[in-house]
Protein backbone atom coordinates (compact mmCIF):
# COMPACT_ATOMS: atom_id res chain seq x y z
CA MET A 1 0.00 0.00 0.00
CA SER A 2 1.93 2.96 -1.21
CA SER A 3 0.36 6.37 -1.38
CA GLY A 4 3.47 8.16 -2.55
CA ALA A 5 3.19 10.50 0.45
CA HIS A 6 5.60 10.62 3.34
CA LEU A 7 4.84 11.72 6.88
CA TYR A 8 7.79 12.27 9.16
CA LEU A 9 7.10 11.97 12.89
CA THR A 10 9.98 13.91 14.34
CA ASP A 11 9.89 15.31 17.85
CA ARG A 12 6.22 14.35 18.02
CA ALA A 13 3.98 11.62 19.29
CA GLY A 14 6.59 10.15 21.63
CA ALA A 15 8.43 8.47 18.75
CA ALA A 16 12.18 8.17 18.21
CA ASP A 17 11.71 6.29 14.93
CA VAL A 18 8.69 5.15 12.91
CA ALA A 19 7.96 2.96 9.91
CA VAL A 20 4.58 2.19 8.34
CA PRO A 21 4.76 -1.09 6.42
CA GLY A 22 1.97 -3.03 4.77
CA VAL A 23 1.17 -6.07 6.92
CA PRO A 24 -1.21 -9.02 6.46
CA ASP A 25 -4.90 -8.40 7.00
CA PRO A 26 -7.41 -11.27 6.85
CA GLU A 27 -10.19 -9.10 5.37
CA ARG A 28 -8.33 -6.77 3.00
CA GLY A 29 -5.17 -8.73 2.28
CA GLU A 30 -2.95 -5.92 3.55
CA ARG A 31 -3.19 -2.94 5.90
CA VAL A 32 -0.83 -0.27 7.16
CA LEU A 33 0.67 -0.60 10.63
CA ALA A 34 2.67 2.02 12.52
CA VAL A 35 5.82 0.41 13.89
CA VAL A 36 7.19 2.79 16.52
CA GLN A 37 10.44 2.95 18.44
CA PRO A 38 9.36 5.02 21.45
CA ALA A 39 11.36 8.04 22.57
CA VAL A 40 9.88 7.89 26.06
CA ALA A 41 8.82 4.96 28.22
CA ASP A 42 5.21 6.01 28.72
CA VAL A 43 4.15 6.57 25.10
CA THR A 44 0.83 4.97 24.19
CA ALA A 45 -0.61 3.93 20.84
CA ASP A 46 -3.08 6.82 21.05
CA GLU A 47 -0.36 9.44 20.55
CA PRO A 48 1.03 8.42 17.13
CA LEU A 49 -2.46 7.48 15.90
CA ALA A 50 -3.87 10.89 16.90
CA TYR A 51 -0.89 12.60 15.22
CA CYS A 52 -1.66 10.76 11.97
CA ARG A 53 -5.41 11.41 12.15
CA GLU A 54 -4.75 15.16 12.42
CA ARG A 55 -2.58 15.18 9.29
CA LEU A 56 -3.74 12.39 6.97
CA ALA A 57 -6.88 11.25 5.23
CA PRO A 58 -8.62 8.54 7.28
CA TYR A 59 -7.87 5.76 4.78
CA LYS A 60 -4.12 6.52 5.00
CA CYS A 61 -3.96 6.33 8.80
CA PRO A 62 -2.75 3.18 10.51
CA ARG A 63 -5.31 1.66 12.84
CA ALA A 64 -2.80 -0.03 15.10
CA VAL A 65 0.70 0.47 16.51
CA ASP A 66 3.46 -2.02 17.28
CA PHE A 67 6.19 -0.86 19.62
CA VAL A 68 9.75 -2.12 19.00
CA LEU A 69 13.13 -1.54 20.62
CA SER A 70 14.62 -0.49 17.27
CA LEU A 71 13.87 -0.52 13.56
CA PRO A 72 16.16 -2.37 11.14
CA ARG A 73 18.49 0.14 9.51
CA ASP A 74 21.65 -0.42 7.49
CA PRO A 75 24.94 1.29 8.45
CA SER A 76 24.03 4.37 6.37
CA GLY A 77 20.77 4.76 8.31
CA THR A 78 18.43 3.62 5.54
CA LEU A 79 15.39 1.69 6.77
CA ARG A 80 15.55 -1.95 5.67
CA LYS A 81 11.92 -2.13 4.54
CA GLY A 82 12.17 -5.68 3.21
CA LEU A 83 13.48 -6.99 6.51
CA LEU A 84 10.75 -5.16 8.41
CA ARG A 85 8.01 -6.50 6.12
CA GLU A 86 9.42 -10.02 6.41
CA THR A 87 8.86 -9.83 10.18
CA TYR A 88 5.11 -9.58 9.57
CA TRP A 89 4.75 -11.73 6.43
CA ARG A 90 6.99 -14.61 7.59
CA HIS A 91 4.19 -17.07 8.42
CA HIS A 92 1.81 -16.27 5.56
CA GLU A 93 1.47 -18.30 2.38
CA THR A 94 0.73 -15.37 0.11
CA ARG A 95 2.26 -11.94 -0.06
CA ILE A 96 1.08 -8.75 -1.67
CA VAL A 97 3.95 -7.03 -3.42
């Protein structure tokens, strides 16, 4: 699910780093998920979701948040999207590409 738009969550919503991959969805095949590396210990899913709802069309907003210790980045700092997606698609027979 690529909209061509980018939203950078910097110094907002309690996030140190964020990625929004397409993950499996039993009804639609794929959905967007906010994967967040928190900047503070007490961040909740409501904060990044509210941030997105204020700035994006409803159909572009993730409906859920996963919190992780860190996102996979290569030595140059580029997000390793394929590795992140593989985390969610690993146990599914089909994949939407």
